[in-house]
Protein backbone atom coordinates (compact mmCIF):
# COMPACT_ATOMS: atom_id res chain seq x y z
CA MET A 1 29.75 -6.20 -9.99
CA LEU A 2 30.70 -6.77 -6.24
CA LEU A 3 29.34 -9.88 -4.80
CA CYS A 4 26.72 -9.55 -2.43
CA SER A 5 28.85 -9.94 1.29
CA PRO A 6 27.40 -10.23 4.84
CA SER A 7 30.51 -9.12 6.02
CA ARG A 8 29.89 -5.50 3.86
CA GLY A 9 26.28 -6.17 5.42
CA ASN A 10 27.65 -5.69 8.58
CA PHE A 11 30.08 -3.38 8.11
CA PHE A 12 27.45 -1.18 6.78
CA MET A 13 25.08 -1.85 9.69
CA LEU A 14 28.05 -1.13 12.32
CA MET A 15 28.58 2.72 10.26
CA LEU A 16 25.00 3.60 10.91
CA LEU A 17 25.49 2.66 14.43
CA VAL A 18 28.26 4.98 14.51
CA VAL A 19 26.57 7.48 13.11
CA GLN A 20 23.03 7.11 14.88
CA PHE A 21 25.63 7.85 18.00
CA VAL A 22 26.93 10.74 17.03
CA MET A 23 23.69 12.11 15.92
CA THR A 24 22.25 11.54 18.86
CA ILE A 25 25.13 13.47 20.39
CA VAL A 26 24.49 16.64 18.18
CA ILE A 27 20.81 16.92 18.94
CA SER A 28 21.30 16.23 22.82
CA ILE A 29 24.07 19.29 22.63
CA ALA A 30 21.54 21.50 20.44
CA VAL A 31 18.44 20.78 22.60
CA ALA A 32 20.63 21.62 25.18
CA PHE A 33 21.56 25.10 23.81
CA SER A 34 19.30 26.12 21.36
CA GLY A 35 16.56 27.59 24.31
CA VAL A 36 13.86 25.69 22.10
CA THR A 37 10.68 23.40 23.58
CA ILE A 38 11.35 20.12 22.60
CA GLU A 39 7.54 19.92 21.09
CA SER A 40 8.44 22.65 18.54
CA THR A 41 11.34 21.67 17.42
CA ASN A 42 11.04 17.62 17.91
CA VAL A 43 9.46 17.38 14.37
CA PHE A 44 12.76 18.73 12.32
CA PHE A 45 15.05 16.83 14.76
CA LEU A 46 13.51 13.28 14.50
CA VAL A 47 13.01 14.21 10.30
CA GLY A 48 17.13 15.67 9.96
CA ALA A 49 18.21 12.72 12.06
CA GLU A 50 16.35 10.05 9.99
CA VAL A 51 17.87 11.42 6.39
CA VAL A 52 21.63 11.66 7.89
CA SER A 53 21.64 8.09 10.36
CA PHE A 54 19.99 6.22 7.30
CA LEU A 55 19.90 7.68 4.34
CA LEU A 56 23.18 9.69 3.15
CA PRO A 57 25.00 6.27 4.16
CA VAL A 58 22.93 4.24 1.73
CA GLY A 59 24.00 7.35 -0.93
CA VAL A 60 27.72 6.75 -0.02
CA TYR A 61 27.64 2.76 0.11
CA LEU A 62 25.36 3.77 -3.68
CA LEU A 63 28.85 5.68 -4.76
CA VAL A 64 31.42 3.46 -3.72
CA THR A 65 30.27 0.21 -4.64
CA LYS A 66 29.03 1.28 -8.08
CA GLN A 67 25.92 -0.72 -7.83
CA SER A 68 22.30 0.09 -9.80
CA ALA A 69 20.24 1.87 -6.79
CA ILE A 70 17.35 -0.32 -8.99
CA GLN A 71 19.21 -3.90 -7.84
CA VAL A 72 20.04 -3.56 -4.66
CA LEU A 73 17.04 -1.41 -3.41
CA SER A 74 14.97 -3.41 -4.83
CA LEU A 75 13.43 -0.46 -6.68
CA ARG A 76 10.55 -2.38 -8.88
CA PRO A 77 6.95 -1.55 -8.48
CA ILE A 78 4.59 -3.17 -6.69
CA SER A 79 0.57 -4.22 -7.83
CA VAL A 80 -2.81 -2.92 -5.72
CA ASN A 81 -3.15 -6.08 -4.87
CA ASN A 82 -0.18 -6.52 -2.88
CA LEU A 83 -0.74 -3.50 -1.11
CA ILE A 84 -4.86 -4.48 -0.16
CA LEU A 85 -2.70 -8.04 1.47
CA ILE A 86 0.08 -5.97 2.96
CA PHE A 87 -2.20 -3.59 4.73
CA PHE A 88 -4.44 -6.63 5.93
CA ILE A 89 -1.41 -8.25 7.55
CA ILE A 90 0.06 -5.16 9.21
CA VAL A 91 -3.65 -4.75 10.69
CA LEU A 92 -3.45 -8.52 12.05
CA LEU A 93 0.13 -8.26 13.11
CA GLN A 94 -0.36 -4.92 14.95
CA PRO A 95 -1.91 -7.03 18.03
CA LEU A 96 1.36 -9.45 17.86
CA ILE A 97 3.25 -6.21 17.75
CA MET A 98 1.34 -4.66 20.90
CA PHE A 99 1.52 -8.16 22.96
CA VAL A 100 5.21 -8.20 22.29
CA ALA A 101 6.57 -4.34 23.33
CA SER A 102 4.25 -4.80 26.54
CA VAL A 103 5.95 -7.96 27.67
CA SER A 104 9.40 -6.30 26.91
CA ASN A 105 8.36 -3.28 28.46
CA LEU A 106 7.91 -5.07 31.73
CA VAL A 107 11.91 -5.50 31.85
CA PHE A 108 12.70 -2.46 29.58
CA PRO A 109 12.02 1.28 30.28
CA ASP A 110 9.90 3.28 27.85
CA VAL A 111 12.45 6.02 26.57
CA THR A 112 10.88 7.09 23.59
CA SER A 113 7.37 7.34 23.78
CA GLU A 114 7.32 10.80 25.43
CA ALA A 115 9.78 12.22 22.78
CA ILE A 116 7.45 11.33 19.83
CA GLY A 117 4.01 12.01 21.97
CA ALA A 118 5.29 15.40 21.95
CA ILE A 119 5.32 15.22 18.02
CA PRO A 120 1.13 14.98 17.78
CA LYS A 121 0.31 16.87 20.40
CA ALA A 122 2.57 20.20 18.85
CA HIS A 123 1.92 19.62 15.35
CA SER A 124 -0.99 18.71 12.84
CA LEU A 125 -1.60 15.12 11.80
CA LEU A 126 -0.03 15.58 8.50
CA VAL A 127 3.07 16.81 10.30
CA SER A 128 3.20 13.83 12.22
CA LEU A 129 2.54 11.01 9.88
CA GLY A 130 5.07 12.56 7.50
CA ALA A 131 8.02 12.65 10.72
CA ILE A 132 6.79 9.16 12.56
CA ALA A 133 5.69 7.45 9.20
CA VAL A 134 6.69 8.68 5.95
CA THR A 135 10.16 9.77 6.88
CA PRO A 136 11.56 6.05 8.76
CA ALA A 137 9.64 4.22 6.23
CA ILE A 138 11.72 5.42 3.47
CA CYS A 139 15.12 5.80 5.31
CA GLU A 140 15.28 3.34 7.54
CA GLU A 141 13.83 1.22 4.90
CA VAL A 142 16.24 1.85 1.91
CA ALA A 143 18.66 0.87 4.60
CA PHE A 144 17.84 -2.12 6.61
CA ARG A 145 15.83 -3.72 3.42
CA GLY A 146 17.17 -2.35 0.55
CA VAL A 147 21.34 -2.67 1.22
CA ILE A 148 21.21 -5.10 4.36
CA LEU A 149 19.51 -7.48 2.90
CA HIS A 150 20.82 -7.06 -0.66
CA GLU A 151 23.77 -8.13 1.01
CA TYR A 152 22.14 -11.11 2.57
CA HIS A 153 21.37 -12.33 -1.21
CA LYS A 154 22.98 -15.73 -0.79
CA VAL A 155 21.77 -16.73 2.77
CA PRO A 156 19.32 -18.45 2.98
CA VAL A 157 16.09 -16.37 3.36
CA ARG A 158 15.22 -17.42 6.96
CA THR A 159 18.60 -16.72 8.14
CA ALA A 160 18.17 -13.36 6.27
CA ALA A 161 15.33 -12.51 7.63
CA LEU A 162 16.25 -13.14 11.42
CA LEU A 163 19.24 -11.39 11.22
CA ASN A 164 17.52 -8.29 9.70
CA GLY A 165 14.72 -8.34 12.39
CA PHE A 166 17.85 -8.45 14.95
CA LEU A 167 19.49 -5.87 13.09
CA PHE A 168 16.83 -4.05 12.29
CA GLY A 169 15.66 -3.90 16.37
CA VAL A 170 19.74 -3.13 17.31
CA VAL A 171 19.53 0.19 15.49
CA HIS A 172 16.62 1.72 18.47
CA LEU A 173 19.39 0.85 20.81
CA ASN A 174 16.96 0.60 23.46
CA GLY A 175 15.87 -3.05 24.83
CA LEU A 176 11.85 -2.07 24.41
CA GLN A 177 11.98 -0.91 20.40
CA PHE A 178 14.31 -3.93 19.60
CA SER A 179 11.34 -6.68 20.71
CA TYR A 180 9.07 -5.36 17.91
CA ALA A 181 11.26 -3.59 15.61
CA PHE A 182 12.64 -7.43 15.25
CA LEU A 183 9.51 -8.37 14.80
CA CYS A 184 8.54 -6.04 12.28
CA GLY A 185 11.91 -6.20 10.59
CA PHE A 186 11.04 -10.06 10.03
CA VAL A 187 8.30 -9.98 8.19
CA PHE A 188 9.29 -7.25 6.66
CA VAL A 189 11.82 -8.90 5.01
CA TYR A 190 9.66 -11.61 3.78
CA LEU A 191 7.78 -8.99 2.46
CA VAL A 192 10.04 -7.50 -0.13
CA TYR A 193 11.27 -11.37 -1.04
CA TYR A 194 8.24 -12.21 -2.30
CA THR A 195 6.97 -8.93 -4.41
CA LYS A 196 10.90 -8.17 -4.81
CA SER A 197 9.33 -4.62 -4.41
CA ILE A 198 10.70 -2.18 -1.55
CA PHE A 199 7.88 -1.07 -1.62
CA ALA A 200 5.76 -3.63 -0.22
CA SER A 201 8.30 -3.15 3.14
CA MET A 202 7.99 0.95 2.81
CA PHE A 203 4.11 0.60 3.02
CA ALA A 204 4.28 -2.26 5.83
CA HIS A 205 5.84 0.17 7.63
CA PHE A 206 4.21 3.25 7.22
CA ILE A 207 0.81 1.15 8.80
CA VAL A 208 2.59 0.41 11.74
CA ASN A 209 3.68 4.15 12.56
CA GLY A 210 1.12 5.62 10.84
CA GLY A 211 -1.40 3.92 13.01
CA GLN A 212 0.64 4.38 16.21
CA THR A 213 1.01 8.21 15.21
CA MET A 214 -2.77 8.27 14.45
CA MET A 215 -4.18 6.97 18.12
CA ILE A 216 -1.17 9.42 19.61
CA TYR A 217 -2.96 12.64 17.56
CA ILE A 218 -6.65 11.21 18.49
CA SER A 219 -5.39 10.65 22.06
CA THR A 220 -4.31 14.88 22.50
CA LYS A 221 -7.52 15.30 20.79
CA PHE A 222 -10.21 13.35 22.75
CA TYR A 223 -8.30 12.35 25.94
CA PRO A 224 -5.33 14.68 26.52
CA GLU A 225 -5.26 13.41 30.60
CA ALA A 226 -4.11 10.09 28.97
CA LEU A 227 -0.76 11.52 27.77
CA GLU A 228 -0.30 12.91 31.27
CA LYS A 229 0.15 10.30 33.23
CA THR A 230 3.05 8.74 34.93
CA ALA A 231 5.08 5.71 33.89
CA ALA A 232 3.17 2.93 34.19
CA THR A 233 2.97 1.06 37.39
CA MET A 234 3.47 -2.97 37.38
CA GLY A 235 -0.12 -3.61 37.74
CA GLU A 236 -0.73 -1.29 34.29
CA LYS A 237 1.83 -3.03 32.87
CA LEU A 238 0.42 -6.50 33.70
CA ASP A 239 -2.93 -5.74 32.78
CA ALA A 240 -1.67 -4.96 29.13
CA VAL A 241 0.62 -7.85 28.65
CA LYS A 242 -2.82 -10.01 29.54
CA THR A 243 -5.61 -7.71 27.50
CA THR A 244 -2.78 -7.69 24.23
CA PHE A 245 -2.24 -11.42 24.42
CA VAL A 246 -5.86 -11.87 23.99
CA LEU A 247 -6.05 -10.00 21.21
CA ALA A 248 -2.91 -11.42 19.48
CA VAL A 249 -4.06 -14.22 20.00
CA VAL A 250 -6.98 -13.73 18.26
CA ALA A 251 -5.62 -12.22 15.44
CA LEU A 252 -3.04 -14.66 15.09
CA PRO A 253 -4.45 -17.61 12.97
CA PHE A 254 -5.56 -14.49 10.55
CA PHE A 255 -2.15 -13.75 10.45
CA ILE A 256 -1.15 -16.40 9.27
CA LEU A 257 -4.38 -17.38 7.05
CA LEU A 258 -3.43 -14.01 4.45
CA PHE A 259 0.26 -14.55 4.76
CA LYS A 260 -0.16 -18.10 3.18
CA ARG A 261 -1.78 -16.44 0.76
CA PHE A 262 0.01 -13.49 -0.06
CA ILE A 263 3.70 -16.18 -0.70
CA LYS A 264 0.37 -17.96 -2.53
CA ASN A 265 -0.38 -15.12 -5.00
CA ASN A 266 3.89 -13.75 -5.45
CA LYS A 267 5.44 -17.02 -5.70
CA GLU A 268 5.40 -16.67 -9.24
CA ASN A 269 7.51 -13.48 -8.48
CA LEU A 270 10.33 -15.18 -7.21
CA VAL A 271 10.39 -16.97 -10.80
CA GLU A 272 9.88 -13.55 -13.16
CA ILE A 273 12.24 -11.98 -11.22
CA ALA A 274 15.00 -14.04 -11.03
CA PRO A 275 16.20 -14.27 -14.62
CA ILE A 276 16.65 -10.33 -14.50
CA GLU A 277 18.73 -10.81 -11.36
CA ALA A 278 20.59 -13.69 -12.77
CA GLN A 279 21.83 -11.98 -16.15
CA HIS A 280 24.29 -10.06 -13.45
CA GLU A 281 25.60 -12.59 -11.86
CA GLU A 282 26.00 -14.92 -15.63
CA ALA A 283 27.77 -11.59 -16.93
CA GLN A 284 30.55 -11.88 -13.83
CA TYR A 285 30.22 -15.33 -13.96
CA GLU A 286 31.77 -15.28 -18.22
CA GLN A 287 34.18 -12.64 -17.14
CA GLN A 288 35.41 -14.87 -13.96
CA VAL A 289 35.22 -18.13 -16.86
CA LEU A 290 37.77 -16.10 -19.32
CA ALA A 291 40.24 -14.90 -16.54
CA ASP A 292 40.41 -18.58 -15.57
CA CYS A 293 41.26 -20.15 -18.93
CA LEU A 294 43.76 -17.15 -19.15
CA GLN A 295 45.42 -18.52 -16.10
CA GLU A 296 47.16 -21.77 -15.04
CA PRO A 297 44.42 -24.33 -14.13
CA GLU A 298 44.01 -25.37 -10.12
CA GLU A 299 42.53 -27.40 -7.88
CA PRO A 300 38.73 -26.89 -7.68
CA LYS A 301 37.87 -25.98 -4.51
CA ALA A 302 34.80 -26.33 -2.61
CA GLU A 303 31.90 -23.25 -2.22
CA GLN A 304 32.44 -21.79 0.94
CA PRO A 305 28.61 -20.95 2.97
CA PRO A 306 29.19 -16.68 3.55
CA ARG A 307 30.53 -16.10 6.93
CA ILE A 308 27.86 -14.05 9.21
CA MET A 309 29.62 -13.28 12.52
CA THR A 310 32.10 -11.19 11.79
CA LEU A 311 34.33 -8.49 13.45
CA SER A 312 31.69 -5.69 12.80
CA LEU A 313 28.92 -7.92 14.13
CA VAL A 314 30.43 -8.25 17.48
CA PHE A 315 31.02 -5.02 17.59
CA VAL A 316 27.62 -3.74 16.57
CA ILE A 317 26.50 -6.27 19.49
CA ILE A 318 28.50 -5.14 22.12
CA ILE A 319 27.60 -1.29 21.29
CA PHE A 320 23.47 -2.72 21.93
CA VAL A 321 24.57 -4.61 25.13
CA LEU A 322 26.41 -1.26 25.96
CA ALA A 323 23.43 1.27 24.86
CA LEU A 324 20.83 -1.49 27.07
CA ALA A 325 23.02 -1.27 30.37
CA PHE A 326 23.15 2.83 29.99
CA ASN A 327 19.09 2.63 29.58
CA GLN A 328 18.61 0.63 32.30
CA LEU A 329 20.86 2.99 34.79
CA LEU A 330 18.95 5.92 33.30
CA ALA A 331 15.64 4.53 34.30
CA PHE A 332 17.25 4.08 37.50
CA ILE A 333 19.23 7.04 38.71
CA LEU A 334 16.25 9.68 36.93
CA PRO A 335 13.82 9.04 39.33
CA ILE A 336 16.43 9.27 42.49
CA LEU A 337 17.65 12.98 40.64
CA LYS A 338 13.92 13.88 40.52
CA SER A 339 12.93 13.15 43.71
CA PHE A 340 16.25 15.21 44.81
CA LYS A 341 14.74 17.98 42.69
CA GLY A 342 10.91 17.99 44.36
């Protein structure tokens, strides 16, 4: 069994970004030359992009490393009590997500809502939930709270949560989604850490995306004029910040109390699962001891902490910064081009 390595996790993340970049180009070309509308095809592009960008690399990773999918992806059952707790935790987290997104929207343009909003407008609620909530909850979670979190296994959980949240935000390649994806990724790591099940973060991811999908779907049915509005003015954005701030302040204490209850209920999992995971490490340790006995004795070396900042991570950050700059430039140029068209 290969030792967990943040370096390999960072390289895997870099590969995800490369695949994401290629998929973006392929989809753009397909839309440009297919002659079909975005509303009728976006759902198929979205699902296909999720599978190719996240699920396929995970499969390749498991084949190359020859590791157990159950261990790497934490494919362990989760209790109904935990699912109920997670549901209310995420409901209480939503106001904070909305506040972070509204603050971020003061600086970064919204480059995805039009495309995502087109899906519930053109398809049924079940199809919309499948494309926007179910598919990302499976594909993105096995990549981030599966492979990448596994590679950060030897890193303190708080550091792993911060890095995982950061990388999860980065993969969205725009500033607005980065802000709340960072927050979600941070929380999702703790859900998996304490339950030892990736189904915890999958369910939480589904609740976040599913709630947004249902709000968009209801708006298309009962308040369609809201979706036809042009970009929000700065005044409207500031009003959104004020409103979501109040909601976040009200919800935050209850979120903290419920999250502490969740941790308390699941601390025993850390004790129960630890011996199972230790069996793999013990077997590897015994092999290493046997190999050492057959070699000349060496001076003992102090164990070095795992290196987090690697060349792959540097490239990931550079790509993200370039993507932010490109989105900002696009947001500045598009209104000018539209004015010339008009």
